[in-house]
């Protein structure tokens, strides 16, 4: 048997394990989206993925860990891509920012079920709350244009951006849940005013 032949099964096994993990992550997000965080069980997740509980526990220690993997691997890249678009045109005009906020709101609208279920999870699981806000905090280190403009006081700037992200998340969560008595247009205009502080022309002139 050649070295290449000996390596092939290990590679195939690794690919199969990755495919199984990907199915479990997708199943976690779909199941929690449809049933809600508290009602979704590991049995529900494994049934959706076509696996068993033993397989689930080979990849994740718990439902919260599987949900965190979904946030990290599915939704955070999409959110970061949106933020990098804004960072790429910064300093932006108010029209630029309003267009960007509209895209952000559309992203949340399209993710409504998992967003509301994630909000439920954060309320129930302290470790998930900590991880959620950690992800918001880490965003600032991945925005090159914004970081360059704020490198003289990056810690203060990171705190501002964290608070802005947290504020935005709460506003959109309330709106998606139907508890914010405002229109989509009002949401966009209000959030654009807030985001212009960090990414608009006035910030660039400070």
N, C-alpha and C. Protein backbone atom coordinates (compact mmCIF):
# COMPACT_ATOMS: atom_id res chain seq x y z
N UNK A 1 0.85 -1.20 0.00
CA UNK A 1 0.00 0.00 0.00
C UNK A 1 0.88 1.25 0.00
N UNK A 2 0.59 2.18 -0.90
CA UNK A 2 1.39 3.40 -0.97
C UNK A 2 0.96 4.38 0.10
N UNK A 3 1.83 5.39 0.33
CA UNK A 3 1.47 6.44 1.30
C UNK A 3 0.19 7.15 0.91
N UNK A 4 0.03 7.37 -0.41
CA UNK A 4 -1.18 8.05 -0.89
C UNK A 4 -2.42 7.24 -0.57
N UNK A 5 -2.33 5.91 -0.75
CA UNK A 5 -3.47 5.05 -0.46
C UNK A 5 -3.78 5.03 1.03
N UNK A 6 -2.73 5.10 1.87
CA UNK A 6 -2.96 5.10 3.31
C UNK A 6 -3.61 6.40 3.77
N UNK A 7 -3.28 7.50 3.10
CA UNK A 7 -3.84 8.79 3.50
C UNK A 7 -5.28 8.96 3.05
N UNK A 8 -5.68 8.32 1.95
CA UNK A 8 -6.99 8.56 1.37
C UNK A 8 -8.14 8.26 2.32
N UNK A 9 -8.15 7.10 3.03
CA UNK A 9 -9.27 6.85 3.94
C UNK A 9 -9.40 7.91 5.03
N UNK A 10 -8.25 8.35 5.56
CA UNK A 10 -8.29 9.37 6.61
C UNK A 10 -8.91 10.66 6.08
N UNK A 11 -8.55 11.03 4.84
CA UNK A 11 -9.11 12.23 4.23
C UNK A 11 -10.61 12.07 4.00
N UNK A 12 -10.99 10.90 3.51
CA UNK A 12 -12.41 10.64 3.29
C UNK A 12 -13.18 10.67 4.60
N UNK A 13 -12.60 10.11 5.64
CA UNK A 13 -13.24 10.10 6.95
C UNK A 13 -13.42 11.53 7.46
N UNK A 14 -12.37 12.34 7.29
CA UNK A 14 -12.44 13.73 7.74
C UNK A 14 -13.52 14.49 6.97
N UNK A 15 -13.62 14.23 5.66
CA UNK A 15 -14.64 14.90 4.86
C UNK A 15 -16.04 14.48 5.30
N UNK A 16 -16.19 13.20 5.60
CA UNK A 16 -17.49 12.72 6.06
C UNK A 16 -17.86 13.31 7.41
N UNK A 17 -16.88 13.42 8.28
CA UNK A 17 -17.13 14.03 9.60
C UNK A 17 -17.52 15.49 9.46
N UNK A 18 -16.85 16.20 8.53
CA UNK A 18 -17.17 17.61 8.32
C UNK A 18 -18.57 17.75 7.74
N UNK A 19 -18.93 16.87 6.80
CA UNK A 19 -20.27 16.91 6.22
C UNK A 19 -21.34 16.66 7.29
N UNK A 20 -21.05 15.70 8.18
CA UNK A 20 -22.00 15.41 9.26
C UNK A 20 -22.12 16.60 10.19
N UNK A 21 -21.00 17.22 10.52
CA UNK A 21 -21.04 18.40 11.40
C UNK A 21 -21.82 19.53 10.74
N UNK A 22 -21.60 19.74 9.45
CA UNK A 22 -22.32 20.80 8.74
C UNK A 22 -23.83 20.53 8.76
N UNK A 23 -24.22 19.27 8.59
CA UNK A 23 -25.64 18.92 8.65
C UNK A 23 -26.21 19.20 10.03
N UNK A 24 -25.44 18.89 11.04
CA UNK A 24 -25.91 19.14 12.41
C UNK A 24 -26.04 20.63 12.70
N UNK A 25 -25.11 21.43 12.21
CA UNK A 25 -25.20 22.89 12.40
C UNK A 25 -26.44 23.42 11.70
N UNK A 26 -26.63 23.02 10.45
CA UNK A 26 -27.82 23.46 9.71
C UNK A 26 -29.09 22.99 10.40
N UNK A 27 -29.09 21.74 10.85
CA UNK A 27 -30.27 21.19 11.53
C UNK A 27 -30.56 21.94 12.82
N UNK A 28 -29.50 22.33 13.53
CA UNK A 28 -29.68 23.10 14.77
C UNK A 28 -30.36 24.42 14.49
N UNK A 29 -29.88 25.13 13.48
CA UNK A 29 -30.46 26.43 13.16
C UNK A 29 -31.89 26.31 12.65
N UNK A 30 -32.15 25.32 11.80
CA UNK A 30 -33.49 25.15 11.26
C UNK A 30 -34.48 24.72 12.34
N UNK A 31 -34.04 23.81 13.21
CA UNK A 31 -34.93 23.31 14.25
C UNK A 31 -35.23 24.38 15.29
N UNK A 32 -34.20 25.10 15.71
CA UNK A 32 -34.42 26.17 16.68
C UNK A 32 -35.25 27.30 16.08
N UNK A 33 -35.05 27.57 14.79
CA UNK A 33 -35.85 28.59 14.11
C UNK A 33 -37.33 28.23 14.11
N UNK A 34 -37.64 26.97 13.85
CA UNK A 34 -39.03 26.57 13.71
C UNK A 34 -39.72 26.28 15.04
N UNK A 35 -38.99 25.76 16.02
CA UNK A 35 -39.59 25.36 17.28
C UNK A 35 -39.36 26.35 18.42
N UNK A 36 -38.37 27.24 18.24
CA UNK A 36 -37.96 28.08 19.36
C UNK A 36 -36.84 27.38 20.11
N UNK A 37 -36.03 28.18 20.82
CA UNK A 37 -34.86 27.60 21.46
C UNK A 37 -35.22 26.59 22.54
N UNK A 38 -36.11 26.96 23.44
CA UNK A 38 -36.41 26.09 24.58
C UNK A 38 -37.09 24.80 24.15
N UNK A 39 -37.96 24.87 23.16
CA UNK A 39 -38.71 23.70 22.74
C UNK A 39 -37.89 22.74 21.88
N UNK A 40 -36.91 23.25 21.18
CA UNK A 40 -36.09 22.40 20.31
C UNK A 40 -35.23 21.46 21.16
N UNK A 41 -35.23 20.18 20.84
CA UNK A 41 -34.44 19.20 21.57
C UNK A 41 -33.32 18.65 20.69
N UNK A 42 -32.38 18.02 21.32
CA UNK A 42 -31.30 17.39 20.56
C UNK A 42 -31.86 16.28 19.69
N UNK A 43 -32.88 15.58 20.17
CA UNK A 43 -33.52 14.55 19.34
C UNK A 43 -34.15 15.17 18.09
N UNK A 44 -34.76 16.35 18.23
CA UNK A 44 -35.30 17.06 17.07
C UNK A 44 -34.19 17.38 16.07
N UNK A 45 -33.07 17.85 16.60
CA UNK A 45 -31.96 18.24 15.75
C UNK A 45 -31.38 17.04 15.01
N UNK A 46 -31.15 15.95 15.73
CA UNK A 46 -30.56 14.76 15.10
C UNK A 46 -31.52 14.12 14.11
N UNK A 47 -32.82 14.18 14.39
CA UNK A 47 -33.80 13.65 13.44
C UNK A 47 -33.76 14.44 12.14
N UNK A 48 -33.68 15.76 12.25
CA UNK A 48 -33.60 16.63 11.07
C UNK A 48 -32.33 16.33 10.28
N UNK A 49 -31.23 16.11 11.00
CA UNK A 49 -29.94 15.88 10.34
C UNK A 49 -29.76 14.45 9.85
N UNK A 50 -30.64 13.54 10.30
CA UNK A 50 -30.51 12.14 9.90
C UNK A 50 -29.38 11.43 10.62
N UNK A 51 -29.13 11.84 11.88
CA UNK A 51 -28.07 11.22 12.68
C UNK A 51 -28.66 10.79 14.03
N UNK A 52 -27.81 10.30 14.92
CA UNK A 52 -28.25 9.94 16.26
C UNK A 52 -27.62 10.83 17.30
N UNK A 53 -28.07 10.69 18.55
CA UNK A 53 -27.54 11.50 19.64
C UNK A 53 -26.04 11.30 19.82
N UNK A 54 -25.58 10.06 19.68
CA UNK A 54 -24.15 9.79 19.85
C UNK A 54 -23.33 10.59 18.86
N UNK A 55 -23.82 10.69 17.63
CA UNK A 55 -23.11 11.47 16.60
C UNK A 55 -23.11 12.94 16.96
N UNK A 56 -24.25 13.44 17.45
CA UNK A 56 -24.31 14.84 17.88
C UNK A 56 -23.22 15.12 18.91
N UNK A 57 -23.10 14.25 19.90
CA UNK A 57 -22.15 14.50 20.99
C UNK A 57 -20.69 14.26 20.58
N UNK A 58 -20.47 13.68 19.43
CA UNK A 58 -19.11 13.61 18.90
C UNK A 58 -18.64 14.99 18.43
N UNK A 59 -19.61 15.83 18.06
CA UNK A 59 -19.28 17.15 17.50
C UNK A 59 -19.55 18.31 18.46
N UNK A 60 -20.55 18.17 19.31
CA UNK A 60 -20.94 19.26 20.22
C UNK A 60 -21.23 18.71 21.60
N UNK A 61 -20.89 19.52 22.61
CA UNK A 61 -21.16 19.10 23.98
C UNK A 61 -22.61 19.37 24.39
N UNK A 62 -23.27 20.30 23.69
CA UNK A 62 -24.59 20.71 24.13
C UNK A 62 -25.31 21.46 23.02
N UNK A 63 -26.60 21.70 23.21
CA UNK A 63 -27.38 22.51 22.28
C UNK A 63 -26.85 23.94 22.20
N UNK A 64 -26.51 24.58 23.33
CA UNK A 64 -25.93 25.93 23.23
C UNK A 64 -24.67 25.97 22.37
N UNK A 65 -23.82 24.96 22.49
CA UNK A 65 -22.59 24.96 21.70
C UNK A 65 -22.90 24.83 20.21
N UNK A 66 -23.88 24.01 19.88
CA UNK A 66 -24.26 23.86 18.47
C UNK A 66 -24.84 25.15 17.92
N UNK A 67 -25.63 25.84 18.74
CA UNK A 67 -26.18 27.13 18.31
C UNK A 67 -25.07 28.15 18.11
N UNK A 68 -24.10 28.18 19.00
CA UNK A 68 -22.98 29.10 18.85
C UNK A 68 -22.23 28.82 17.54
N UNK A 69 -22.09 27.55 17.21
CA UNK A 69 -21.42 27.19 15.96
C UNK A 69 -22.21 27.73 14.77
N UNK A 70 -23.54 27.66 14.84
CA UNK A 70 -24.36 28.20 13.77
C UNK A 70 -24.21 29.70 13.63
N UNK A 71 -24.20 30.40 14.76
CA UNK A 71 -23.97 31.85 14.71
C UNK A 71 -22.64 32.15 14.03
N UNK A 72 -21.61 31.47 14.49
CA UNK A 72 -20.25 31.75 14.03
C UNK A 72 -20.05 31.42 12.56
N UNK A 73 -20.64 30.32 12.12
CA UNK A 73 -20.33 29.80 10.79
C UNK A 73 -21.33 30.22 9.71
N UNK A 74 -22.54 30.57 10.11
CA UNK A 74 -23.57 30.91 9.12
C UNK A 74 -23.89 32.40 9.12
N UNK A 75 -24.17 32.95 10.29
CA UNK A 75 -24.68 34.32 10.35
C UNK A 75 -23.60 35.38 10.53
N UNK A 76 -22.57 35.10 11.31
CA UNK A 76 -21.53 36.11 11.51
C UNK A 76 -20.81 36.47 10.21
N UNK A 77 -20.47 35.51 9.32
CA UNK A 77 -19.85 35.90 8.05
C UNK A 77 -20.74 36.82 7.23
N UNK A 78 -22.05 36.58 7.25
CA UNK A 78 -22.97 37.43 6.50
C UNK A 78 -23.03 38.84 7.12
N UNK A 79 -23.05 38.89 8.45
CA UNK A 79 -23.09 40.18 9.12
C UNK A 79 -21.79 40.95 8.89
N UNK A 80 -20.66 40.25 8.97
CA UNK A 80 -19.37 40.90 8.74
C UNK A 80 -19.27 41.41 7.32
N UNK A 81 -19.79 40.64 6.36
CA UNK A 81 -19.77 41.08 4.96
C UNK A 81 -20.53 42.39 4.80
N UNK A 82 -21.67 42.50 5.48
CA UNK A 82 -22.44 43.75 5.44
C UNK A 82 -21.64 44.92 6.01
N UNK A 83 -21.01 44.68 7.16
CA UNK A 83 -20.25 45.74 7.82
C UNK A 83 -19.05 46.16 6.98
N UNK A 84 -18.42 45.22 6.32
CA UNK A 84 -17.26 45.56 5.48
C UNK A 84 -17.68 46.41 4.28
N UNK A 85 -18.89 46.20 3.80
CA UNK A 85 -19.39 47.05 2.71
C UNK A 85 -19.51 48.49 3.18
N UNK A 86 -20.04 48.69 4.38
CA UNK A 86 -20.13 50.04 4.93
C UNK A 86 -18.74 50.61 5.18
N UNK A 87 -17.88 49.81 5.75
CA UNK A 87 -16.52 50.26 6.04
C UNK A 87 -15.79 50.64 4.76
N UNK A 88 -16.11 49.96 3.67
CA UNK A 88 -15.44 50.22 2.40
C UNK A 88 -15.81 51.54 1.76
N UNK A 89 -16.98 52.11 2.12
CA UNK A 89 -17.38 53.40 1.53
C UNK A 89 -17.26 54.53 2.55
N UNK A 90 -16.72 54.22 3.70
CA UNK A 90 -16.62 55.21 4.76
C UNK A 90 -15.44 56.14 4.52
N UNK A 91 -15.60 57.46 4.79
CA UNK A 91 -16.79 58.09 5.35
C UNK A 91 -17.94 58.15 4.34
N UNK A 92 -19.12 57.79 4.81
CA UNK A 92 -20.27 57.67 3.93
C UNK A 92 -21.22 58.84 4.08
N UNK A 93 -21.96 59.11 3.01
CA UNK A 93 -23.02 60.14 3.08
C UNK A 93 -24.21 59.55 3.82
N UNK A 94 -25.14 60.40 4.22
CA UNK A 94 -26.33 59.91 4.90
C UNK A 94 -27.12 58.98 3.99
N UNK A 95 -27.15 59.28 2.71
CA UNK A 95 -27.86 58.40 1.76
C UNK A 95 -27.20 57.02 1.72
N UNK A 96 -25.85 57.01 1.73
CA UNK A 96 -25.12 55.74 1.76
C UNK A 96 -25.51 54.94 3.00
N UNK A 97 -25.55 55.63 4.13
CA UNK A 97 -25.82 54.95 5.39
C UNK A 97 -27.26 54.46 5.44
N UNK A 98 -28.20 55.26 4.95
CA UNK A 98 -29.59 54.81 4.93
C UNK A 98 -29.76 53.59 4.04
N UNK A 99 -29.08 53.57 2.90
CA UNK A 99 -29.14 52.40 2.01
C UNK A 99 -28.55 51.17 2.71
N UNK A 100 -27.45 51.41 3.42
CA UNK A 100 -26.83 50.29 4.12
C UNK A 100 -27.73 49.78 5.25
N UNK A 101 -28.31 50.68 6.01
CA UNK A 101 -29.21 50.26 7.09
C UNK A 101 -30.40 49.50 6.53
N UNK A 102 -30.90 49.91 5.36
CA UNK A 102 -31.98 49.19 4.72
C UNK A 102 -31.57 47.75 4.42
N UNK A 103 -30.33 47.57 3.96
CA UNK A 103 -29.81 46.22 3.71
C UNK A 103 -29.70 45.43 5.01
N UNK A 104 -29.27 46.12 6.06
CA UNK A 104 -29.17 45.48 7.38
C UNK A 104 -30.54 45.02 7.87
N UNK A 105 -31.53 45.88 7.73
CA UNK A 105 -32.89 45.53 8.15
C UNK A 105 -33.41 44.34 7.34
N UNK A 106 -33.12 44.33 6.05
CA UNK A 106 -33.53 43.21 5.20
C UNK A 106 -32.88 41.91 5.68
N UNK A 107 -31.62 41.98 6.06
CA UNK A 107 -30.93 40.81 6.59
C UNK A 107 -31.64 40.28 7.83
N UNK A 108 -32.02 41.16 8.72
CA UNK A 108 -32.72 40.75 9.93
C UNK A 108 -34.12 40.23 9.61
N UNK A 109 -34.79 40.86 8.66
CA UNK A 109 -36.12 40.37 8.26
C UNK A 109 -36.03 38.95 7.71
N UNK A 110 -35.03 38.70 6.90
CA UNK A 110 -34.85 37.37 6.32
C UNK A 110 -34.42 36.34 7.36
N UNK A 111 -33.88 36.82 8.48
CA UNK A 111 -33.40 35.92 9.54
C UNK A 111 -34.31 36.00 10.77
N UNK A 112 -35.55 36.44 10.57
CA UNK A 112 -36.43 36.74 11.70
C UNK A 112 -36.59 35.57 12.67
N UNK A 113 -36.85 34.39 12.17
CA UNK A 113 -37.12 33.24 13.04
C UNK A 113 -35.93 32.90 13.91
N UNK A 114 -34.74 32.83 13.31
CA UNK A 114 -33.56 32.47 14.10
C UNK A 114 -33.16 33.63 15.01
N UNK A 115 -33.43 34.86 14.59
CA UNK A 115 -33.10 36.01 15.44
C UNK A 115 -33.93 35.98 16.72
N UNK A 116 -35.23 35.77 16.58
CA UNK A 116 -36.10 35.72 17.76
C UNK A 116 -35.78 34.51 18.64
N UNK A 117 -35.49 33.39 18.01
CA UNK A 117 -35.12 32.19 18.79
C UNK A 117 -33.79 32.41 19.50
N UNK A 118 -32.86 33.10 18.85
CA UNK A 118 -31.57 33.39 19.48
C UNK A 118 -31.75 34.34 20.66
N UNK A 119 -32.66 35.29 20.53
CA UNK A 119 -32.95 36.19 21.63
C UNK A 119 -33.49 35.42 22.84
N UNK A 120 -34.33 34.43 22.57
CA UNK A 120 -34.83 33.55 23.63
C UNK A 120 -33.68 32.79 24.27
N UNK A 121 -32.77 32.29 23.44
CA UNK A 121 -31.63 31.53 23.95
C UNK A 121 -30.73 32.38 24.84
N UNK A 122 -30.50 33.62 24.41
CA UNK A 122 -29.66 34.53 25.18
C UNK A 122 -30.26 34.80 26.55
N UNK A 123 -31.59 34.89 26.60
CA UNK A 123 -32.27 35.15 27.87
C UNK A 123 -32.18 33.95 28.81
N UNK A 124 -32.08 32.75 28.23
CA UNK A 124 -32.09 31.53 29.04
C UNK A 124 -30.70 31.01 29.40
N UNK A 125 -29.72 31.30 28.55
CA UNK A 125 -28.39 30.70 28.70
C UNK A 125 -27.31 31.78 28.87
N UNK A 126 -26.80 31.98 30.08
CA UNK A 126 -25.77 33.00 30.30
C UNK A 126 -24.55 32.83 29.39
N UNK A 127 -24.15 31.59 29.11
CA UNK A 127 -22.97 31.39 28.27
C UNK A 127 -23.23 31.86 26.84
N UNK A 128 -24.47 31.72 26.38
CA UNK A 128 -24.81 32.19 25.05
C UNK A 128 -24.85 33.71 25.01
N UNK A 129 -25.37 34.33 26.06
CA UNK A 129 -25.39 35.79 26.13
C UNK A 129 -23.97 36.34 26.06
N UNK A 130 -23.07 35.72 26.82
CA UNK A 130 -21.68 36.16 26.83
C UNK A 130 -21.05 36.02 25.45
N UNK A 131 -21.35 34.90 24.79
CA UNK A 131 -20.78 34.66 23.46
C UNK A 131 -21.36 35.62 22.43
N UNK A 132 -22.65 35.88 22.52
CA UNK A 132 -23.33 36.81 21.59
C UNK A 132 -22.67 38.19 21.65
N UNK A 133 -22.52 38.71 22.85
CA UNK A 133 -21.96 40.06 22.99
C UNK A 133 -20.46 40.08 22.71
N UNK A 134 -19.80 38.96 22.93
CA UNK A 134 -18.39 38.86 22.56
C UNK A 134 -18.23 39.01 21.05
N UNK A 135 -19.14 38.41 20.30
CA UNK A 135 -19.08 38.51 18.84
C UNK A 135 -19.30 39.96 18.39
N UNK A 136 -20.22 40.65 19.05
CA UNK A 136 -20.45 42.06 18.71
C UNK A 136 -19.19 42.88 18.98
N UNK A 137 -18.54 42.61 20.11
CA UNK A 137 -17.33 43.35 20.48
C UNK A 137 -16.20 43.10 19.47
N UNK A 138 -16.08 41.88 19.00
CA UNK A 138 -14.96 41.51 18.13
C UNK A 138 -15.07 42.12 16.73
N UNK A 139 -16.24 42.58 16.37
CA UNK A 139 -16.43 43.14 15.02
C UNK A 139 -15.48 44.30 14.76
N UNK A 140 -15.24 45.12 15.77
CA UNK A 140 -14.44 46.33 15.55
C UNK A 140 -13.04 46.03 15.04
N UNK A 141 -12.49 44.88 15.42
CA UNK A 141 -11.13 44.54 14.99
C UNK A 141 -11.06 44.09 13.54
N UNK A 142 -12.20 43.96 12.90
CA UNK A 142 -12.24 43.44 11.53
C UNK A 142 -12.66 44.48 10.50
N UNK A 143 -12.67 45.75 10.91
CA UNK A 143 -13.06 46.83 10.01
C UNK A 143 -11.85 47.74 9.78
N UNK A 144 -11.08 47.51 8.73
CA UNK A 144 -9.80 48.22 8.55
C UNK A 144 -9.91 49.73 8.43
N UNK A 145 -10.85 50.23 7.64
CA UNK A 145 -10.95 51.68 7.46
C UNK A 145 -11.35 52.37 8.75
N UNK A 146 -12.34 51.82 9.42
CA UNK A 146 -12.79 52.38 10.70
C UNK A 146 -11.68 52.31 11.73
N UNK A 147 -10.97 51.20 11.80
CA UNK A 147 -9.89 51.05 12.77
C UNK A 147 -8.78 52.05 12.53
N UNK A 148 -8.46 52.28 11.26
CA UNK A 148 -7.40 53.24 10.93
C UNK A 148 -7.77 54.66 11.36
N UNK A 149 -9.04 55.03 11.17
CA UNK A 149 -9.48 56.37 11.56
C UNK A 149 -9.49 56.54 13.07
N UNK A 150 -9.64 55.44 13.79
CA UNK A 150 -9.79 55.52 15.25
C UNK A 150 -8.59 54.97 16.02
N UNK A 151 -7.46 54.78 15.32
CA UNK A 151 -6.34 54.09 15.97
C UNK A 151 -5.74 54.90 17.12
N UNK A 152 -6.03 56.20 17.18
CA UNK A 152 -5.49 57.01 18.28
C UNK A 152 -6.21 56.74 19.60
N UNK A 153 -7.47 56.27 19.51
CA UNK A 153 -8.23 55.92 20.71
C UNK A 153 -9.08 54.69 20.41
N UNK A 154 -8.41 53.61 20.06
CA UNK A 154 -9.13 52.44 19.57
C UNK A 154 -10.00 51.79 20.64
N UNK A 155 -9.57 51.82 21.90
CA UNK A 155 -10.37 51.19 22.95
C UNK A 155 -11.69 51.94 23.16
N UNK A 156 -11.60 53.26 23.19
CA UNK A 156 -12.82 54.06 23.32
C UNK A 156 -13.73 53.87 22.11
N UNK A 157 -13.11 53.82 20.92
CA UNK A 157 -13.89 53.66 19.69
C UNK A 157 -14.54 52.28 19.65
N UNK A 158 -13.82 51.25 20.10
CA UNK A 158 -14.38 49.90 20.12
C UNK A 158 -15.58 49.82 21.06
N UNK A 159 -15.50 50.52 22.17
CA UNK A 159 -16.63 50.55 23.10
C UNK A 159 -17.83 51.23 22.45
N UNK A 160 -17.58 52.34 21.74
CA UNK A 160 -18.68 53.02 21.05
C UNK A 160 -19.35 52.10 20.04
N UNK A 161 -18.53 51.40 19.26
CA UNK A 161 -19.08 50.53 18.23
C UNK A 161 -19.83 49.35 18.85
N UNK A 162 -19.30 48.84 19.95
CA UNK A 162 -19.98 47.76 20.67
C UNK A 162 -21.36 48.23 21.15
N UNK A 163 -21.41 49.41 21.74
CA UNK A 163 -22.68 49.93 22.23
C UNK A 163 -23.65 50.19 21.07
N UNK A 164 -23.13 50.67 19.96
CA UNK A 164 -23.96 50.90 18.78
C UNK A 164 -24.52 49.58 18.25
N UNK A 165 -23.67 48.56 18.17
CA UNK A 165 -24.12 47.25 17.70
C UNK A 165 -25.16 46.66 18.63
N UNK A 166 -24.94 46.80 19.94
CA UNK A 166 -25.89 46.27 20.92
C UNK A 166 -27.22 47.01 20.83
N UNK A 167 -27.16 48.33 20.70
CA UNK A 167 -28.37 49.14 20.56
C UNK A 167 -29.15 48.72 19.31
N UNK A 168 -28.45 48.57 18.20
CA UNK A 168 -29.08 48.18 16.94
C UNK A 168 -29.74 46.82 17.06
N UNK A 169 -29.03 45.89 17.68
CA UNK A 169 -29.57 44.53 17.87
C UNK A 169 -30.85 44.56 18.69
N UNK A 170 -30.88 45.34 19.76
CA UNK A 170 -32.08 45.41 20.61
C UNK A 170 -33.24 46.07 19.88
N UNK A 171 -32.97 47.14 19.16
CA UNK A 171 -34.03 47.83 18.41
C UNK A 171 -34.65 46.89 17.37
N UNK A 172 -33.80 46.22 16.61
CA UNK A 172 -34.31 45.34 15.56
C UNK A 172 -35.01 44.12 16.14
N UNK A 173 -34.52 43.62 17.28
CA UNK A 173 -35.18 42.48 17.91
C UNK A 173 -36.57 42.87 18.38
N UNK A 174 -36.69 44.05 18.99
CA UNK A 174 -38.01 44.52 19.44
C UNK A 174 -38.94 44.72 18.26
N UNK A 175 -38.41 45.26 17.19
CA UNK A 175 -39.23 45.51 16.00
C UNK A 175 -39.70 44.21 15.37
N UNK A 176 -38.78 43.25 15.24
CA UNK A 176 -39.16 41.96 14.66
C UNK A 176 -40.19 41.24 15.52
N UNK A 177 -40.09 41.44 16.84
CA UNK A 177 -41.02 40.80 17.76
C UNK A 177 -42.35 41.50 17.86
N UNK A 178 -42.48 42.65 17.19
CA UNK A 178 -43.75 43.37 17.18
C UNK A 178 -43.98 44.28 18.37
N UNK A 179 -42.95 44.49 19.19
CA UNK A 179 -43.14 45.32 20.38
C UNK A 179 -42.65 46.76 20.19
N UNK A 180 -42.12 47.08 19.03
CA UNK A 180 -41.68 48.46 18.75
C UNK A 180 -42.69 49.09 17.80
N UNK A 181 -43.48 50.07 18.27
CA UNK A 181 -44.56 50.66 17.46
C UNK A 181 -44.04 51.67 16.44
N UNK A 182 -43.15 51.22 15.57
CA UNK A 182 -42.58 52.12 14.57
C UNK A 182 -42.58 51.40 13.22
N UNK A 183 -42.47 52.18 12.16
CA UNK A 183 -42.46 51.61 10.82
C UNK A 183 -41.04 51.24 10.40
N UNK A 184 -40.95 50.52 9.33
CA UNK A 184 -39.64 50.15 8.78
C UNK A 184 -38.85 51.41 8.41
N UNK A 185 -39.54 52.36 7.79
CA UNK A 185 -38.89 53.62 7.40
C UNK A 185 -38.34 54.36 8.61
N UNK A 186 -39.12 54.41 9.67
CA UNK A 186 -38.66 55.08 10.90
C UNK A 186 -37.45 54.37 11.50
N UNK A 187 -37.48 53.05 11.46
CA UNK A 187 -36.33 52.27 11.96
C UNK A 187 -35.08 52.64 11.17
N UNK A 188 -35.21 52.66 9.86
CA UNK A 188 -34.05 52.94 9.00
C UNK A 188 -33.51 54.35 9.25
N UNK A 189 -34.39 55.33 9.31
CA UNK A 189 -33.96 56.71 9.51
C UNK A 189 -33.29 56.89 10.87
N UNK A 190 -33.88 56.30 11.90
CA UNK A 190 -33.32 56.44 13.24
C UNK A 190 -31.96 55.75 13.36
N UNK A 191 -31.87 54.53 12.85
CA UNK A 191 -30.60 53.82 12.93
C UNK A 191 -29.53 54.48 12.07
N UNK A 192 -29.93 55.02 10.93
CA UNK A 192 -28.95 55.71 10.07
C UNK A 192 -28.34 56.90 10.80
N UNK A 193 -29.15 57.61 11.56
CA UNK A 193 -28.64 58.73 12.35
C UNK A 193 -27.60 58.26 13.35
N UNK A 194 -27.88 57.13 13.99
CA UNK A 194 -26.94 56.59 14.97
C UNK A 194 -25.65 56.12 14.31
N UNK A 195 -25.77 55.40 13.19
CA UNK A 195 -24.57 54.86 12.53
C UNK A 195 -23.73 55.94 11.86
N UNK A 196 -24.37 57.07 11.51
CA UNK A 196 -23.60 58.14 10.87
C UNK A 196 -22.54 58.71 11.81
N UNK A 197 -22.74 58.56 13.12
CA UNK A 197 -21.74 59.04 14.08
C UNK A 197 -20.41 58.32 13.90
N UNK A 198 -20.46 57.04 13.56
CA UNK A 198 -19.24 56.26 13.40
C UNK A 198 -18.73 56.20 11.97
N UNK A 199 -19.64 56.27 11.00
CA UNK A 199 -19.23 56.03 9.62
C UNK A 199 -19.55 57.18 8.67
N UNK A 200 -20.11 58.27 9.19
CA UNK A 200 -20.46 59.39 8.33
C UNK A 200 -19.36 60.42 8.23
N UNK A 201 -19.61 61.46 7.43
CA UNK A 201 -18.61 62.49 7.18
C UNK A 201 -18.23 63.24 8.44
N UNK A 202 -19.21 63.47 9.34
CA UNK A 202 -18.88 64.26 10.52
C UNK A 202 -17.84 63.57 11.39
N UNK A 203 -17.84 62.24 11.44
CA UNK A 203 -16.86 61.52 12.23
C UNK A 203 -15.46 61.68 11.65
N UNK A 204 -15.39 61.69 10.31
CA UNK A 204 -14.10 61.78 9.65
C UNK A 204 -13.43 63.12 9.91
N UNK A 205 -14.21 64.13 10.24
CA UNK A 205 -13.66 65.46 10.44
C UNK A 205 -13.20 65.72 11.87
N UNK A 206 -13.45 64.75 12.78
CA UNK A 206 -13.07 64.97 14.18
C UNK A 206 -11.56 64.91 14.35
